[in-house]
Amino acid sequence: MKARIPNQPAGGGNMMKRIQEMQENMQTLQQELAVAEYNATSGGGAVDVTINGSHEIKSIKIKPEVVDPEDVEMLEDMLLAALNEAVRKADETAEREMGKITGGINIPGLNGMF
């Protein structure tokens, strides 16, 4: 038995073309965002962290003067603050750039994708 393709309303093909273009643009953007790098610092620049859009840590730089064996917790806190800020920047950029493609439309399945 053959499947019947319903008649498309006038302009329906144009809509499908726009959806396909949006999907292609989103795939390209996802690839670009995955390799983009985001930097954040904490402790007045004592800790510097760089991650990529896939949330992989690319580098961590720590100024020697903040390494105090008597206060490891402070260094841990600075690392956490810088890492969380870098992740936040990556996520905000991904959300903003995807919003440009989707026109702010909430598309199921995209939330939490980045």
N, C-alpha and C. Protein backbone atom coordinates (compact mmCIF):
# COMPACT_ATOMS: atom_id res chain seq x y z
N MET A 1 0.85 -1.18 0.00
CA MET A 1 0.00 0.00 0.00
C MET A 1 0.89 1.24 0.00
N LYS A 2 0.60 2.18 -0.85
CA LYS A 2 1.38 3.40 -0.95
C LYS A 2 0.86 4.43 0.04
N ALA A 3 1.79 5.15 0.60
CA ALA A 3 1.40 6.24 1.50
C ALA A 3 0.95 7.41 0.65
N ARG A 4 -0.08 8.07 1.13
CA ARG A 4 -0.57 9.24 0.41
C ARG A 4 0.04 10.48 1.02
N ILE A 5 0.56 11.33 0.20
CA ILE A 5 1.11 12.60 0.65
C ILE A 5 0.02 13.63 0.50
N PRO A 6 -0.40 14.24 1.59
CA PRO A 6 -1.47 15.21 1.50
C PRO A 6 -1.03 16.42 0.69
N ASN A 7 -2.01 17.06 0.07
CA ASN A 7 -1.70 18.28 -0.68
C ASN A 7 -1.23 19.33 0.31
N GLN A 8 -0.14 20.00 -0.07
CA GLN A 8 0.39 21.05 0.80
C GLN A 8 -0.33 22.35 0.48
N PRO A 9 -0.64 23.12 1.50
CA PRO A 9 -1.26 24.41 1.24
C PRO A 9 -0.26 25.31 0.52
N ALA A 10 -0.79 26.33 -0.13
CA ALA A 10 0.08 27.27 -0.85
C ALA A 10 1.14 27.79 0.10
N GLY A 11 2.38 27.77 -0.34
CA GLY A 11 3.49 28.26 0.48
C GLY A 11 4.03 27.22 1.45
N GLY A 12 3.46 26.04 1.49
CA GLY A 12 3.90 25.00 2.41
C GLY A 12 5.33 24.56 2.15
N GLY A 13 5.69 24.49 0.87
CA GLY A 13 7.06 24.11 0.52
C GLY A 13 8.06 25.14 1.01
N ASN A 14 7.63 26.39 0.99
CA ASN A 14 8.50 27.47 1.46
C ASN A 14 8.76 27.33 2.96
N MET A 15 7.74 26.95 3.70
CA MET A 15 7.88 26.75 5.14
C MET A 15 8.86 25.61 5.43
N MET A 16 8.73 24.53 4.68
CA MET A 16 9.64 23.39 4.87
C MET A 16 11.07 23.79 4.56
N LYS A 17 11.23 24.62 3.54
CA LYS A 17 12.57 25.09 3.18
C LYS A 17 13.16 25.93 4.31
N ARG A 18 12.33 26.79 4.91
CA ARG A 18 12.81 27.63 6.02
C ARG A 18 13.18 26.78 7.22
N ILE A 19 12.39 25.75 7.50
CA ILE A 19 12.69 24.86 8.62
C ILE A 19 14.00 24.12 8.37
N GLN A 20 14.19 23.65 7.15
CA GLN A 20 15.43 22.95 6.82
C GLN A 20 16.63 23.88 6.95
N GLU A 21 16.49 25.13 6.49
CA GLU A 21 17.57 26.11 6.63
C GLU A 21 17.88 26.37 8.10
N MET A 22 16.81 26.46 8.92
CA MET A 22 17.01 26.68 10.35
C MET A 22 17.77 25.51 10.96
N GLN A 23 17.42 24.29 10.59
CA GLN A 23 18.12 23.11 11.11
C GLN A 23 19.59 23.13 10.71
N GLU A 24 19.87 23.49 9.47
CA GLU A 24 21.25 23.55 9.00
C GLU A 24 22.02 24.63 9.74
N ASN A 25 21.39 25.79 9.94
CA ASN A 25 22.04 26.88 10.68
C ASN A 25 22.31 26.47 12.12
N MET A 26 21.37 25.74 12.72
CA MET A 26 21.55 25.30 14.10
C MET A 26 22.70 24.30 14.21
N GLN A 27 22.81 23.39 13.26
CA GLN A 27 23.91 22.43 13.28
C GLN A 27 25.25 23.13 13.14
N THR A 28 25.32 24.09 12.23
CA THR A 28 26.56 24.85 12.05
C THR A 28 26.91 25.60 13.32
N LEU A 29 25.92 26.25 13.92
CA LEU A 29 26.15 27.00 15.15
C LEU A 29 26.60 26.09 16.28
N GLN A 30 25.98 24.92 16.41
CA GLN A 30 26.37 23.98 17.46
C GLN A 30 27.83 23.59 17.31
N GLN A 31 28.28 23.37 16.09
CA GLN A 31 29.68 23.01 15.85
C GLN A 31 30.59 24.18 16.22
N GLU A 32 30.20 25.39 15.85
CA GLU A 32 31.00 26.57 16.19
C GLU A 32 31.06 26.79 17.69
N LEU A 33 29.92 26.64 18.36
CA LEU A 33 29.87 26.84 19.81
C LEU A 33 30.69 25.80 20.56
N ALA A 34 30.74 24.59 20.05
CA ALA A 34 31.47 23.52 20.72
C ALA A 34 32.96 23.81 20.80
N VAL A 35 33.50 24.50 19.82
CA VAL A 35 34.94 24.78 19.82
C VAL A 35 35.28 26.19 20.30
N ALA A 36 34.27 27.05 20.45
CA ALA A 36 34.52 28.39 20.96
C ALA A 36 35.05 28.30 22.38
N GLU A 37 35.92 29.25 22.75
CA GLU A 37 36.50 29.23 24.09
C GLU A 37 35.97 30.39 24.92
N TYR A 38 35.80 30.12 26.20
CA TYR A 38 35.26 31.09 27.15
C TYR A 38 36.21 31.17 28.34
N ASN A 39 36.50 32.40 28.75
CA ASN A 39 37.48 32.63 29.80
C ASN A 39 36.81 33.32 30.97
N ALA A 40 37.23 32.97 32.18
CA ALA A 40 36.74 33.63 33.38
C ALA A 40 37.87 33.65 34.41
N THR A 41 37.83 34.67 35.25
CA THR A 41 38.83 34.78 36.31
C THR A 41 38.12 34.94 37.66
N SER A 42 38.86 34.71 38.72
CA SER A 42 38.36 34.98 40.06
C SER A 42 39.54 35.41 40.92
N GLY A 43 39.21 35.89 42.09
CA GLY A 43 40.26 36.34 43.00
C GLY A 43 41.07 37.49 42.44
N GLY A 44 40.38 38.39 41.71
CA GLY A 44 41.09 39.53 41.14
C GLY A 44 42.11 39.13 40.09
N GLY A 45 41.86 38.04 39.40
CA GLY A 45 42.77 37.57 38.36
C GLY A 45 43.76 36.53 38.85
N ALA A 46 43.63 36.12 40.10
CA ALA A 46 44.56 35.13 40.66
C ALA A 46 44.36 33.76 40.02
N VAL A 47 43.12 33.46 39.61
CA VAL A 47 42.80 32.21 38.95
C VAL A 47 42.15 32.54 37.61
N ASP A 48 42.66 31.92 36.56
CA ASP A 48 42.17 32.17 35.21
C ASP A 48 41.82 30.81 34.59
N VAL A 49 40.58 30.68 34.10
CA VAL A 49 40.10 29.41 33.56
C VAL A 49 39.60 29.63 32.14
N THR A 50 39.91 28.69 31.26
CA THR A 50 39.38 28.70 29.89
C THR A 50 38.72 27.35 29.63
N ILE A 51 37.47 27.40 29.11
CA ILE A 51 36.76 26.19 28.73
C ILE A 51 36.29 26.35 27.29
N ASN A 52 35.85 25.25 26.66
CA ASN A 52 35.24 25.38 25.35
C ASN A 52 33.73 25.22 25.50
N GLY A 53 33.01 25.35 24.40
CA GLY A 53 31.56 25.27 24.43
C GLY A 53 31.02 23.91 24.81
N SER A 54 31.85 22.90 24.77
CA SER A 54 31.45 21.56 25.21
C SER A 54 31.73 21.36 26.69
N HIS A 55 32.11 22.44 27.36
CA HIS A 55 32.41 22.46 28.80
C HIS A 55 33.65 21.65 29.15
N GLU A 56 34.56 21.50 28.20
CA GLU A 56 35.85 20.86 28.49
C GLU A 56 36.80 21.95 28.94
N ILE A 57 37.51 21.69 30.02
CA ILE A 57 38.48 22.66 30.54
C ILE A 57 39.69 22.64 29.64
N LYS A 58 40.04 23.81 29.12
CA LYS A 58 41.18 23.93 28.21
C LYS A 58 42.44 24.37 28.96
N SER A 59 42.27 25.24 29.94
CA SER A 59 43.43 25.66 30.73
C SER A 59 43.00 26.25 32.06
N ILE A 60 43.90 26.11 33.03
CA ILE A 60 43.75 26.73 34.34
C ILE A 60 45.09 27.35 34.68
N LYS A 61 45.06 28.65 35.00
CA LYS A 61 46.28 29.34 35.39
C LYS A 61 46.07 29.89 36.80
N ILE A 62 47.06 29.65 37.65
CA ILE A 62 46.98 30.10 39.03
C ILE A 62 48.24 30.89 39.34
N LYS A 63 48.06 32.10 39.84
CA LYS A 63 49.22 32.90 40.23
C LYS A 63 49.87 32.27 41.46
N PRO A 64 51.18 32.11 41.45
CA PRO A 64 51.88 31.43 42.55
C PRO A 64 51.61 32.02 43.93
N GLU A 65 51.40 33.33 44.00
CA GLU A 65 51.22 33.96 45.31
C GLU A 65 49.91 33.56 46.00
N VAL A 66 48.96 32.95 45.27
CA VAL A 66 47.72 32.54 45.92
C VAL A 66 47.76 31.09 46.38
N VAL A 67 48.86 30.41 46.12
CA VAL A 67 48.99 29.03 46.57
C VAL A 67 49.53 29.05 47.99
N ASP A 68 48.62 28.88 48.93
CA ASP A 68 48.96 28.89 50.35
C ASP A 68 48.57 27.54 50.93
N PRO A 69 49.57 26.72 51.30
CA PRO A 69 49.25 25.40 51.84
C PRO A 69 48.38 25.46 53.09
N GLU A 70 48.38 26.60 53.75
CA GLU A 70 47.56 26.76 54.96
C GLU A 70 46.11 27.13 54.64
N ASP A 71 45.85 27.50 53.38
CA ASP A 71 44.50 27.93 53.02
C ASP A 71 44.11 27.37 51.65
N VAL A 72 44.08 26.07 51.56
CA VAL A 72 43.72 25.39 50.31
C VAL A 72 42.27 25.69 49.94
N GLU A 73 41.41 25.87 50.93
CA GLU A 73 40.00 26.13 50.66
C GLU A 73 39.79 27.40 49.85
N MET A 74 40.59 28.42 50.09
CA MET A 74 40.46 29.66 49.33
C MET A 74 40.76 29.40 47.85
N LEU A 75 41.79 28.64 47.57
CA LEU A 75 42.14 28.31 46.19
C LEU A 75 41.03 27.49 45.54
N GLU A 76 40.50 26.53 46.28
CA GLU A 76 39.39 25.72 45.77
C GLU A 76 38.19 26.60 45.43
N ASP A 77 37.88 27.54 46.31
CA ASP A 77 36.75 28.45 46.08
C ASP A 77 36.98 29.30 44.84
N MET A 78 38.19 29.79 44.66
CA MET A 78 38.50 30.60 43.48
C MET A 78 38.38 29.78 42.20
N LEU A 79 38.84 28.53 42.25
CA LEU A 79 38.73 27.65 41.09
C LEU A 79 37.26 27.40 40.75
N LEU A 80 36.47 27.07 41.76
CA LEU A 80 35.04 26.84 41.53
C LEU A 80 34.36 28.07 40.94
N ALA A 81 34.67 29.24 41.49
CA ALA A 81 34.05 30.47 41.00
C ALA A 81 34.40 30.72 39.54
N ALA A 82 35.67 30.57 39.19
CA ALA A 82 36.09 30.80 37.81
C ALA A 82 35.49 29.76 36.86
N LEU A 83 35.50 28.51 37.25
CA LEU A 83 34.93 27.45 36.40
C LEU A 83 33.43 27.67 36.19
N ASN A 84 32.70 27.96 37.25
CA ASN A 84 31.26 28.17 37.13
C ASN A 84 30.95 29.39 36.26
N GLU A 85 31.75 30.44 36.37
CA GLU A 85 31.54 31.63 35.55
C GLU A 85 31.81 31.33 34.08
N ALA A 86 32.84 30.56 33.79
CA ALA A 86 33.14 30.20 32.40
C ALA A 86 32.02 29.35 31.81
N VAL A 87 31.49 28.41 32.58
CA VAL A 87 30.38 27.58 32.11
C VAL A 87 29.15 28.44 31.86
N ARG A 88 28.89 29.38 32.76
CA ARG A 88 27.75 30.28 32.61
C ARG A 88 27.88 31.09 31.32
N LYS A 89 29.08 31.60 31.04
CA LYS A 89 29.31 32.37 29.82
C LYS A 89 29.06 31.51 28.58
N ALA A 90 29.55 30.29 28.59
CA ALA A 90 29.35 29.38 27.45
C ALA A 90 27.86 29.12 27.24
N ASP A 91 27.13 28.85 28.31
CA ASP A 91 25.70 28.56 28.21
C ASP A 91 24.90 29.78 27.73
N GLU A 92 25.23 30.95 28.27
CA GLU A 92 24.52 32.16 27.87
C GLU A 92 24.76 32.47 26.39
N THR A 93 25.99 32.28 25.94
CA THR A 93 26.30 32.53 24.54
C THR A 93 25.53 31.57 23.65
N ALA A 94 25.50 30.30 24.01
CA ALA A 94 24.78 29.30 23.22
C ALA A 94 23.30 29.64 23.16
N GLU A 95 22.71 30.00 24.28
CA GLU A 95 21.29 30.33 24.32
C GLU A 95 20.99 31.57 23.47
N ARG A 96 21.83 32.59 23.59
CA ARG A 96 21.64 33.82 22.83
C ARG A 96 21.75 33.57 21.33
N GLU A 97 22.77 32.83 20.92
CA GLU A 97 22.99 32.58 19.49
C GLU A 97 21.90 31.68 18.91
N MET A 98 21.45 30.68 19.65
CA MET A 98 20.36 29.83 19.17
C MET A 98 19.08 30.64 19.06
N GLY A 99 18.87 31.56 19.98
CA GLY A 99 17.69 32.42 19.94
C GLY A 99 17.65 33.26 18.68
N LYS A 100 18.82 33.65 18.17
CA LYS A 100 18.87 34.40 16.93
C LYS A 100 18.36 33.56 15.76
N ILE A 101 18.66 32.28 15.78
CA ILE A 101 18.24 31.39 14.69
C ILE A 101 16.77 31.03 14.82
N THR A 102 16.34 30.73 16.04
CA THR A 102 14.97 30.26 16.23
C THR A 102 13.98 31.41 16.41
N GLY A 103 14.49 32.62 16.50
CA GLY A 103 13.60 33.76 16.71
C GLY A 103 12.97 33.76 18.08
N GLY A 104 13.62 33.11 19.03
CA GLY A 104 13.11 33.05 20.40
C GLY A 104 12.05 32.00 20.62
N ILE A 105 11.74 31.22 19.59
CA ILE A 105 10.74 30.17 19.72
C ILE A 105 11.31 29.05 20.57
N ASN A 106 10.56 28.59 21.54
CA ASN A 106 11.00 27.49 22.40
C ASN A 106 10.78 26.19 21.64
N ILE A 107 11.87 25.55 21.22
CA ILE A 107 11.76 24.31 20.47
C ILE A 107 12.05 23.15 21.41
N PRO A 108 11.08 22.24 21.60
CA PRO A 108 11.29 21.11 22.50
C PRO A 108 12.53 20.32 22.10
N GLY A 109 13.30 19.92 23.10
CA GLY A 109 14.49 19.14 22.82
C GLY A 109 15.75 19.98 22.77
N LEU A 110 15.60 21.30 22.61
CA LEU A 110 16.80 22.15 22.58
C LEU A 110 17.21 22.60 23.96
N ASN A 111 16.25 22.68 24.89
CA ASN A 111 16.61 23.09 26.25
C ASN A 111 17.57 22.07 26.84
N GLY A 112 18.64 22.56 27.43
CA GLY A 112 19.63 21.69 28.04
C GLY A 112 20.53 21.02 27.03
N MET A 113 20.45 21.45 25.78
CA MET A 113 21.25 20.83 24.75
C MET A 113 22.70 21.30 24.80
N PHE A 114 22.94 22.41 25.45
CA PHE A 114 24.27 22.99 25.44
C PHE A 114 24.89 22.91 26.80
